[in-house]
Amino acid sequence: MQTLGTLHVLDPLNSLEGSIAWLRQVGLPHERTKQAHQKIIKERKRDRGDEWAQARGFQCTILGMRAEESRTRRILFRSRGLTYERGNGLMMSNPIGRWSAQDVWAYHVAHSIPWHPLYDCETLGFTRERLRSGGWLYTDGAAEGWTSWLRRHFPEQYRHLVAAFPRMAE
């Protein structure tokens, strides 16, 4: 098999303690005004991956984003295509952008590709297709059941969150 490149996985932005300290600073999502919440989301989603890639001389970032995941992604891929140049000169490629969730999982199984154990935490209506590997500790999805999911699958993180924010207890 030919090696096409190297996979680089970036470390999480914050530790559990760092995340809780950040939440103490900015407040929980339901306690913020809509404008303040949008500003915080924009900052959190600032593309640190681009900064990391450019600092190391990379010219292209390849992501696993798919159009079916959100309306915004569908619009992005429709207007720019699956590979495009960002304003900072870095190329962005989304080779599975038109795949369905079923396509992704079929490929994993057919080629014996391991996946993150997070995707085995299917309960409370959360399926592999819906689970994501980032942001669930920040309580944005509390109304959609993320806090219950966190309590069930990551009880230690849930206990830390509730100790810091007792109002998050269910």
N, C-alpha and C. Protein backbone atom coordinates (compact mmCIF):
# COMPACT_ATOMS: atom_id res chain seq x y z
N MET A 1 0.84 -1.18 0.00
CA MET A 1 0.00 0.00 0.00
C MET A 1 0.89 1.25 0.00
N GLN A 2 0.53 2.20 -0.80
CA GLN A 2 1.28 3.45 -0.89
C GLN A 2 0.81 4.41 0.20
N THR A 3 1.76 5.06 0.87
CA THR A 3 1.43 6.06 1.88
C THR A 3 1.24 7.39 1.17
N LEU A 4 0.08 8.00 1.38
CA LEU A 4 -0.22 9.26 0.71
C LEU A 4 0.10 10.47 1.57
N GLY A 5 0.30 10.26 2.84
CA GLY A 5 0.58 11.40 3.71
C GLY A 5 0.62 10.95 5.16
N THR A 6 0.70 11.91 6.02
CA THR A 6 0.75 11.65 7.45
C THR A 6 -0.47 12.29 8.11
N LEU A 7 -1.09 11.58 8.99
CA LEU A 7 -2.23 12.10 9.72
C LEU A 7 -1.72 12.82 10.96
N HIS A 8 -2.08 14.08 11.12
CA HIS A 8 -1.72 14.87 12.29
C HIS A 8 -3.00 15.16 13.07
N VAL A 9 -3.05 14.73 14.31
CA VAL A 9 -4.22 14.98 15.16
C VAL A 9 -3.81 16.03 16.18
N LEU A 10 -4.53 17.14 16.20
CA LEU A 10 -4.19 18.23 17.12
C LEU A 10 -4.72 17.91 18.52
N ASP A 11 -3.97 18.33 19.52
CA ASP A 11 -4.41 18.16 20.89
C ASP A 11 -5.65 19.00 21.15
N PRO A 12 -6.47 18.60 22.13
CA PRO A 12 -7.64 19.41 22.48
C PRO A 12 -7.22 20.83 22.87
N LEU A 13 -8.11 21.76 22.64
CA LEU A 13 -7.84 23.15 22.96
C LEU A 13 -7.61 23.34 24.46
N ASN A 14 -8.41 22.66 25.28
CA ASN A 14 -8.32 22.80 26.73
C ASN A 14 -8.41 21.45 27.41
N SER A 15 -7.86 21.38 28.59
CA SER A 15 -8.09 20.23 29.46
C SER A 15 -9.48 20.38 30.07
N LEU A 16 -9.93 19.38 30.80
CA LEU A 16 -11.21 19.48 31.50
C LEU A 16 -11.20 20.67 32.44
N GLU A 17 -10.13 20.82 33.21
CA GLU A 17 -10.03 21.94 34.14
C GLU A 17 -10.01 23.28 33.41
N GLY A 18 -9.29 23.31 32.29
CA GLY A 18 -9.25 24.54 31.49
C GLY A 18 -10.61 24.89 30.90
N SER A 19 -11.34 23.86 30.49
CA SER A 19 -12.69 24.09 29.95
C SER A 19 -13.62 24.65 31.02
N ILE A 20 -13.54 24.10 32.22
CA ILE A 20 -14.39 24.58 33.31
C ILE A 20 -14.00 26.01 33.68
N ALA A 21 -12.72 26.31 33.73
CA ALA A 21 -12.28 27.67 34.02
C ALA A 21 -12.80 28.63 32.96
N TRP A 22 -12.76 28.21 31.69
CA TRP A 22 -13.26 29.05 30.60
C TRP A 22 -14.77 29.28 30.75
N LEU A 23 -15.52 28.22 31.08
CA LEU A 23 -16.97 28.36 31.28
C LEU A 23 -17.28 29.30 32.44
N ARG A 24 -16.47 29.26 33.50
CA ARG A 24 -16.67 30.19 34.63
C ARG A 24 -16.49 31.62 34.16
N GLN A 25 -15.56 31.81 33.26
CA GLN A 25 -15.27 33.15 32.73
C GLN A 25 -16.39 33.66 31.82
N VAL A 26 -16.86 32.83 30.91
CA VAL A 26 -17.83 33.29 29.90
C VAL A 26 -19.27 32.96 30.25
N GLY A 27 -19.48 32.09 31.23
CA GLY A 27 -20.83 31.67 31.60
C GLY A 27 -21.32 30.53 30.74
N LEU A 28 -22.40 29.92 31.19
CA LEU A 28 -23.01 28.83 30.44
C LEU A 28 -23.83 29.39 29.28
N PRO A 29 -23.98 28.64 28.20
CA PRO A 29 -24.66 29.16 27.01
C PRO A 29 -26.04 29.75 27.28
N HIS A 30 -26.85 29.09 28.09
CA HIS A 30 -28.20 29.60 28.31
C HIS A 30 -28.22 30.86 29.19
N GLU A 31 -27.09 31.24 29.75
CA GLU A 31 -27.00 32.44 30.58
C GLU A 31 -26.51 33.66 29.80
N ARG A 32 -26.11 33.45 28.55
CA ARG A 32 -25.57 34.53 27.73
C ARG A 32 -26.66 35.13 26.84
N THR A 33 -26.44 36.38 26.43
CA THR A 33 -27.30 36.93 25.39
C THR A 33 -26.95 36.21 24.09
N LYS A 34 -27.86 36.26 23.14
CA LYS A 34 -27.61 35.60 21.85
C LYS A 34 -26.36 36.19 21.18
N GLN A 35 -26.21 37.51 21.25
CA GLN A 35 -25.06 38.18 20.64
C GLN A 35 -23.76 37.74 21.31
N ALA A 36 -23.75 37.69 22.64
CA ALA A 36 -22.54 37.26 23.37
C ALA A 36 -22.22 35.80 23.04
N HIS A 37 -23.25 34.98 22.94
CA HIS A 37 -23.04 33.57 22.65
C HIS A 37 -22.44 33.40 21.25
N GLN A 38 -22.95 34.12 20.27
CA GLN A 38 -22.42 34.03 18.90
C GLN A 38 -20.96 34.48 18.83
N LYS A 39 -20.62 35.50 19.60
CA LYS A 39 -19.23 35.97 19.63
C LYS A 39 -18.31 34.90 20.21
N ILE A 40 -18.75 34.24 21.25
CA ILE A 40 -17.96 33.17 21.87
C ILE A 40 -17.81 31.99 20.92
N ILE A 41 -18.89 31.62 20.24
CA ILE A 41 -18.82 30.52 19.28
C ILE A 41 -17.83 30.85 18.17
N LYS A 42 -17.88 32.07 17.67
CA LYS A 42 -16.96 32.48 16.59
C LYS A 42 -15.51 32.35 17.05
N GLU A 43 -15.22 32.76 18.27
CA GLU A 43 -13.86 32.66 18.79
C GLU A 43 -13.45 31.21 18.97
N ARG A 44 -14.35 30.39 19.51
CA ARG A 44 -14.02 28.98 19.75
C ARG A 44 -13.80 28.22 18.45
N LYS A 45 -14.50 28.63 17.41
CA LYS A 45 -14.40 27.92 16.14
C LYS A 45 -13.34 28.52 15.23
N ARG A 46 -12.63 29.54 15.70
CA ARG A 46 -11.53 30.09 14.91
C ARG A 46 -10.63 28.94 14.52
N ASP A 47 -10.21 28.93 13.30
CA ASP A 47 -9.53 27.74 12.80
C ASP A 47 -8.08 27.66 13.26
N ARG A 48 -7.89 27.06 14.40
CA ARG A 48 -6.55 26.85 14.92
C ARG A 48 -5.79 25.82 14.08
N GLY A 49 -6.52 24.97 13.37
CA GLY A 49 -5.89 24.01 12.47
C GLY A 49 -5.12 24.70 11.36
N ASP A 50 -5.69 25.77 10.82
CA ASP A 50 -5.00 26.54 9.79
C ASP A 50 -3.71 27.14 10.35
N GLU A 51 -3.80 27.71 11.54
CA GLU A 51 -2.62 28.31 12.16
C GLU A 51 -1.53 27.25 12.36
N TRP A 52 -1.93 26.08 12.83
CA TRP A 52 -0.99 24.98 13.06
C TRP A 52 -0.34 24.56 11.74
N ALA A 53 -1.15 24.38 10.70
CA ALA A 53 -0.64 23.92 9.41
C ALA A 53 0.32 24.95 8.79
N GLN A 54 -0.06 26.20 8.82
CA GLN A 54 0.79 27.23 8.22
C GLN A 54 2.11 27.39 8.97
N ALA A 55 2.08 27.25 10.29
CA ALA A 55 3.31 27.37 11.08
C ALA A 55 4.30 26.25 10.74
N ARG A 56 3.79 25.14 10.18
CA ARG A 56 4.65 24.01 9.84
C ARG A 56 4.88 23.89 8.33
N GLY A 57 4.45 24.89 7.58
CA GLY A 57 4.71 24.92 6.15
C GLY A 57 3.78 24.08 5.29
N PHE A 58 2.68 23.61 5.83
CA PHE A 58 1.73 22.83 5.04
C PHE A 58 0.98 23.77 4.08
N GLN A 59 0.60 23.24 2.94
CA GLN A 59 -0.13 24.02 1.95
C GLN A 59 -1.59 23.61 1.84
N CYS A 60 -1.95 22.46 2.43
CA CYS A 60 -3.32 21.95 2.30
C CYS A 60 -3.74 21.25 3.59
N THR A 61 -4.97 21.45 3.96
CA THR A 61 -5.57 20.76 5.10
C THR A 61 -6.68 19.88 4.55
N ILE A 62 -6.70 18.63 4.97
CA ILE A 62 -7.73 17.69 4.51
C ILE A 62 -8.61 17.36 5.71
N LEU A 63 -9.90 17.59 5.55
CA LEU A 63 -10.85 17.41 6.64
C LEU A 63 -11.88 16.34 6.30
N GLY A 64 -12.59 15.90 7.30
CA GLY A 64 -13.66 14.91 7.12
C GLY A 64 -15.04 15.53 7.17
N MET A 65 -15.16 16.80 6.80
CA MET A 65 -16.47 17.45 6.82
C MET A 65 -17.34 16.89 5.70
N ARG A 66 -18.64 16.78 6.01
CA ARG A 66 -19.59 16.27 5.02
C ARG A 66 -20.76 17.25 4.89
N ALA A 67 -21.26 17.40 3.68
CA ALA A 67 -22.34 18.34 3.40
C ALA A 67 -23.60 18.03 4.19
N GLU A 68 -23.89 16.74 4.41
CA GLU A 68 -25.14 16.39 5.09
C GLU A 68 -25.14 16.77 6.56
N GLU A 69 -24.00 17.17 7.11
CA GLU A 69 -23.92 17.49 8.54
C GLU A 69 -24.58 18.82 8.90
N SER A 70 -24.65 19.75 7.95
CA SER A 70 -25.29 21.03 8.28
C SER A 70 -25.64 21.80 7.00
N ARG A 71 -26.56 22.69 7.14
CA ARG A 71 -26.96 23.56 6.03
C ARG A 71 -25.79 24.43 5.58
N THR A 72 -25.02 24.94 6.55
CA THR A 72 -23.87 25.79 6.24
C THR A 72 -22.85 25.05 5.39
N ARG A 73 -22.60 23.78 5.69
CA ARG A 73 -21.64 23.01 4.91
C ARG A 73 -22.16 22.74 3.50
N ARG A 74 -23.45 22.48 3.37
CA ARG A 74 -24.03 22.28 2.03
C ARG A 74 -23.82 23.52 1.18
N ILE A 75 -24.09 24.67 1.76
CA ILE A 75 -23.92 25.94 1.03
C ILE A 75 -22.46 26.15 0.68
N LEU A 76 -21.55 25.91 1.63
CA LEU A 76 -20.12 26.08 1.40
C LEU A 76 -19.65 25.22 0.23
N PHE A 77 -19.99 23.93 0.25
CA PHE A 77 -19.52 23.03 -0.80
C PHE A 77 -20.18 23.35 -2.14
N ARG A 78 -21.42 23.78 -2.12
CA ARG A 78 -22.09 24.14 -3.36
C ARG A 78 -21.43 25.37 -3.98
N SER A 79 -21.03 26.33 -3.16
CA SER A 79 -20.46 27.56 -3.70
C SER A 79 -18.97 27.45 -4.02
N ARG A 80 -18.20 26.68 -3.24
CA ARG A 80 -16.75 26.60 -3.43
C ARG A 80 -16.25 25.28 -3.99
N GLY A 81 -17.06 24.24 -3.89
CA GLY A 81 -16.60 22.91 -4.25
C GLY A 81 -15.98 22.23 -3.04
N LEU A 82 -15.51 21.01 -3.23
CA LEU A 82 -14.95 20.25 -2.11
C LEU A 82 -13.50 20.63 -1.81
N THR A 83 -12.81 21.21 -2.79
CA THR A 83 -11.45 21.69 -2.60
C THR A 83 -11.41 23.15 -3.02
N TYR A 84 -10.89 23.99 -2.15
CA TYR A 84 -10.88 25.42 -2.43
C TYR A 84 -9.75 26.08 -1.64
N GLU A 85 -9.38 27.26 -2.07
CA GLU A 85 -8.34 28.02 -1.38
C GLU A 85 -9.01 28.99 -0.41
N ARG A 86 -8.51 28.99 0.81
CA ARG A 86 -9.03 29.92 1.81
C ARG A 86 -8.33 31.26 1.66
N GLY A 87 -8.88 32.27 2.28
CA GLY A 87 -8.32 33.62 2.18
C GLY A 87 -6.88 33.72 2.65
N ASN A 88 -6.44 32.80 3.48
CA ASN A 88 -5.08 32.83 4.00
C ASN A 88 -4.09 32.09 3.10
N GLY A 89 -4.56 31.61 1.93
CA GLY A 89 -3.69 30.92 0.98
C GLY A 89 -3.60 29.42 1.17
N LEU A 90 -4.16 28.90 2.22
CA LEU A 90 -4.13 27.47 2.50
C LEU A 90 -5.25 26.78 1.73
N MET A 91 -4.93 25.67 1.08
CA MET A 91 -5.95 24.89 0.39
C MET A 91 -6.70 24.05 1.41
N MET A 92 -7.98 23.89 1.20
CA MET A 92 -8.84 23.09 2.07
C MET A 92 -9.48 22.03 1.20
N SER A 93 -9.36 20.77 1.61
CA SER A 93 -9.95 19.68 0.85
C SER A 93 -10.85 18.85 1.75
N ASN A 94 -12.00 18.49 1.22
CA ASN A 94 -13.00 17.70 1.95
C ASN A 94 -13.39 16.51 1.08
N PRO A 95 -12.52 15.50 1.01
CA PRO A 95 -12.74 14.41 0.05
C PRO A 95 -14.00 13.59 0.29
N ILE A 96 -14.54 13.60 1.50
CA ILE A 96 -15.78 12.84 1.74
C ILE A 96 -16.97 13.79 1.87
N GLY A 97 -16.83 14.99 1.36
CA GLY A 97 -17.86 16.01 1.49
C GLY A 97 -19.23 15.61 0.97
N ARG A 98 -19.29 14.74 0.00
CA ARG A 98 -20.58 14.31 -0.56
C ARG A 98 -21.01 12.93 -0.07
N TRP A 99 -20.26 12.36 0.84
CA TRP A 99 -20.61 11.04 1.38
C TRP A 99 -21.72 11.18 2.41
N SER A 100 -22.49 10.13 2.54
CA SER A 100 -23.48 10.06 3.63
C SER A 100 -22.80 9.43 4.84
N ALA A 101 -23.45 9.53 5.98
CA ALA A 101 -22.92 8.88 7.18
C ALA A 101 -22.82 7.38 6.96
N GLN A 102 -23.78 6.81 6.25
CA GLN A 102 -23.75 5.38 5.96
C GLN A 102 -22.54 5.02 5.11
N ASP A 103 -22.18 5.89 4.15
CA ASP A 103 -20.99 5.66 3.33
C ASP A 103 -19.73 5.61 4.20
N VAL A 104 -19.65 6.53 5.15
CA VAL A 104 -18.47 6.59 6.03
C VAL A 104 -18.32 5.30 6.82
N TRP A 105 -19.43 4.87 7.46
CA TRP A 105 -19.35 3.66 8.29
C TRP A 105 -19.14 2.40 7.47
N ALA A 106 -19.72 2.36 6.28
CA ALA A 106 -19.49 1.21 5.40
C ALA A 106 -18.02 1.13 5.00
N TYR A 107 -17.41 2.28 4.74
CA TYR A 107 -15.99 2.30 4.37
C TYR A 107 -15.12 1.84 5.54
N HIS A 108 -15.43 2.33 6.74
CA HIS A 108 -14.70 1.89 7.93
C HIS A 108 -14.73 0.37 8.07
N VAL A 109 -15.91 -0.20 7.96
CA VAL A 109 -16.07 -1.64 8.13
C VAL A 109 -15.39 -2.41 7.00
N ALA A 110 -15.61 -1.97 5.76
CA ALA A 110 -15.05 -2.67 4.60
C ALA A 110 -13.53 -2.69 4.60
N HIS A 111 -12.91 -1.66 5.17
CA HIS A 111 -11.45 -1.55 5.15
C HIS A 111 -10.82 -1.72 6.53
N SER A 112 -11.60 -2.19 7.48
CA SER A 112 -11.11 -2.43 8.85
C SER A 112 -10.38 -1.21 9.43
N ILE A 113 -10.97 -0.05 9.26
CA ILE A 113 -10.38 1.18 9.77
C ILE A 113 -10.95 1.43 11.17
N PRO A 114 -10.08 1.59 12.17
CA PRO A 114 -10.59 1.84 13.52
C PRO A 114 -11.21 3.23 13.63
N TRP A 115 -12.08 3.40 14.60
CA TRP A 115 -12.67 4.71 14.85
C TRP A 115 -12.52 5.06 16.31
N HIS A 116 -12.73 6.31 16.61
CA HIS A 116 -12.63 6.79 17.99
C HIS A 116 -13.72 6.12 18.81
N PRO A 117 -13.41 5.65 20.03
CA PRO A 117 -14.40 4.96 20.86
C PRO A 117 -15.62 5.81 21.20
N LEU A 118 -15.51 7.11 21.06
CA LEU A 118 -16.66 7.99 21.28
C LEU A 118 -17.85 7.55 20.43
N TYR A 119 -17.57 7.08 19.22
CA TYR A 119 -18.64 6.70 18.31
C TYR A 119 -19.37 5.41 18.71
N ASP A 120 -18.87 4.75 19.74
CA ASP A 120 -19.57 3.58 20.27
C ASP A 120 -20.52 3.96 21.41
N CYS A 121 -20.62 5.23 21.73
CA CYS A 121 -21.47 5.72 22.82
C CYS A 121 -22.86 6.08 22.29
N GLU A 122 -23.50 5.11 21.66
CA GLU A 122 -24.81 5.34 21.05
C GLU A 122 -25.91 5.05 22.07
N THR A 123 -26.46 6.09 22.63
CA THR A 123 -27.60 5.97 23.54
C THR A 123 -28.39 7.26 23.51
N LEU A 124 -29.55 7.22 24.12
CA LEU A 124 -30.37 8.42 24.32
C LEU A 124 -30.65 9.14 23.00
N GLY A 125 -30.75 8.40 21.92
CA GLY A 125 -31.03 8.99 20.61
C GLY A 125 -29.81 9.46 19.86
N PHE A 126 -28.65 9.36 20.47
CA PHE A 126 -27.42 9.77 19.81
C PHE A 126 -26.84 8.56 19.07
N THR A 127 -26.70 8.68 17.78
CA THR A 127 -26.18 7.62 16.94
C THR A 127 -24.81 8.02 16.42
N ARG A 128 -24.11 7.09 15.81
CA ARG A 128 -22.80 7.41 15.24
C ARG A 128 -22.90 8.58 14.26
N GLU A 129 -24.00 8.64 13.57
CA GLU A 129 -24.18 9.71 12.59
C GLU A 129 -24.31 11.08 13.26
N ARG A 130 -24.78 11.11 14.48
CA ARG A 130 -25.02 12.38 15.17
C ARG A 130 -23.88 12.77 16.11
N LEU A 131 -23.14 11.81 16.63
CA LEU A 131 -22.08 12.09 17.59
C LEU A 131 -20.94 12.86 16.94
N ARG A 132 -20.35 13.78 17.68
CA ARG A 132 -19.21 14.56 17.22
C ARG A 132 -18.15 14.53 18.31
N SER A 133 -16.91 14.73 17.92
CA SER A 133 -15.82 14.61 18.88
C SER A 133 -15.41 15.91 19.53
N GLY A 134 -16.15 16.97 19.34
CA GLY A 134 -15.77 18.22 19.98
C GLY A 134 -16.96 19.02 20.46
N GLY A 135 -16.76 19.78 21.53
CA GLY A 135 -17.75 20.73 21.99
C GLY A 135 -18.79 20.22 22.96
N TRP A 136 -18.89 18.92 23.19
CA TRP A 136 -19.97 18.42 24.03
C TRP A 136 -19.81 18.78 25.49
N LEU A 137 -18.61 19.12 25.94
CA LEU A 137 -18.43 19.49 27.34
C LEU A 137 -18.90 20.92 27.60
N TYR A 138 -19.02 21.72 26.58
CA TYR A 138 -19.34 23.13 26.77
C TYR A 138 -20.82 23.42 26.99
N THR A 139 -21.64 22.42 27.11
CA THR A 139 -23.05 22.49 27.49
C THR A 139 -23.95 23.17 26.46
N ASP A 140 -23.45 23.47 25.27
CA ASP A 140 -24.29 24.11 24.26
C ASP A 140 -25.52 23.27 23.93
N GLY A 141 -25.40 21.96 23.96
CA GLY A 141 -26.50 21.09 23.59
C GLY A 141 -27.28 20.54 24.77
N ALA A 142 -27.24 21.20 25.91
CA ALA A 142 -27.93 20.69 27.10
C ALA A 142 -29.41 20.44 26.82
N ALA A 143 -30.05 21.34 26.10
CA ALA A 143 -31.48 21.19 25.81
C ALA A 143 -31.76 20.01 24.88
N GLU A 144 -30.77 19.57 24.12
CA GLU A 144 -30.94 18.45 23.20
C GLU A 144 -30.50 17.12 23.83
N GLY A 145 -30.15 17.12 25.11
CA GLY A 145 -29.82 15.88 25.78
C GLY A 145 -28.34 15.59 25.93
N TRP A 146 -27.47 16.50 25.53
CA TRP A 146 -26.03 16.24 25.62
C TRP A 146 -25.57 16.04 27.06
N THR A 147 -26.17 16.75 28.01
CA THR A 147 -25.75 16.61 29.40
C THR A 147 -26.09 15.21 29.93
N SER A 148 -27.26 14.70 29.56
CA SER A 148 -27.62 13.33 29.95
C SER A 148 -26.68 12.33 29.32
N TRP A 149 -26.34 12.56 28.06
CA TRP A 149 -25.40 11.69 27.35
C TRP A 149 -24.04 11.72 28.03
N LEU A 150 -23.57 12.92 28.39
CA LEU A 150 -22.29 13.07 29.07
C LEU A 150 -22.30 12.31 30.40
N ARG A 151 -23.38 12.46 31.17
CA ARG A 151 -23.48 11.78 32.47
C ARG A 151 -23.37 10.26 32.30
N ARG A 152 -23.99 9.74 31.25
CA ARG A 152 -23.99 8.29 31.05
C ARG A 152 -22.66 7.74 30.56
N HIS A 153 -22.02 8.44 29.65
CA HIS A 153 -20.81 7.90 29.01
C HIS A 153 -19.50 8.43 29.58
N PHE A 154 -19.54 9.59 30.18
CA PHE A 154 -18.33 10.18 30.75
C PHE A 154 -18.66 10.71 32.15
N PRO A 155 -18.97 9.80 33.07
CA PRO A 155 -19.44 10.23 34.40
C PRO A 155 -18.44 11.09 35.17
N GLU A 156 -17.16 10.84 34.99
CA GLU A 156 -16.17 11.65 35.71
C GLU A 156 -16.20 13.10 35.23
N GLN A 157 -16.27 13.32 33.91
CA GLN A 157 -16.35 14.67 33.37
C GLN A 157 -17.66 15.33 33.81
N TYR A 158 -18.73 14.55 33.80
CA TYR A 158 -20.03 15.07 34.24
C TYR A 158 -19.94 15.52 35.71
N ARG A 159 -19.34 14.72 36.56
CA ARG A 159 -19.21 15.09 37.98
C ARG A 159 -18.42 16.39 38.14
N HIS A 160 -17.34 16.54 37.37
CA HIS A 160 -16.56 17.79 37.44
C HIS A 160 -17.41 18.98 36.99
N LEU A 161 -18.16 18.80 35.92
CA LEU A 161 -19.00 19.88 35.40
C LEU A 161 -20.06 20.28 36.42
N VAL A 162 -20.71 19.30 37.03
CA VAL A 162 -21.76 19.59 38.02
C VAL A 162 -21.16 20.18 39.30
N ALA A 163 -19.97 19.74 39.67
CA ALA A 163 -19.33 20.32 40.86
C ALA A 163 -19.05 21.80 40.64
N ALA A 164 -18.67 22.16 39.42
CA ALA A 164 -18.40 23.56 39.10
C ALA A 164 -19.68 24.35 38.86
N PHE A 165 -20.69 23.68 38.30
CA PHE A 165 -21.96 24.33 37.95
C PHE A 165 -23.11 23.48 38.44
N PRO A 166 -23.45 23.53 39.73
CA PRO A 166 -24.50 22.66 40.28
C PRO A 166 -25.83 22.74 39.53
N ARG A 167 -26.10 23.85 38.89
CA ARG A 167 -27.36 24.01 38.15
C ARG A 167 -27.42 23.11 36.91
N MET A 168 -26.29 22.49 36.55
CA MET A 168 -26.26 21.58 35.41
C MET A 168 -26.74 20.16 35.80
N ALA A 169 -26.88 19.89 37.09
CA ALA A 169 -27.31 18.56 37.54
C ALA A 169 -28.71 18.28 37.02
N GLU A 170 -28.90 17.04 36.62
CA GLU A 170 -30.22 16.67 36.09
C GLU A 170 -31.00 15.91 37.13
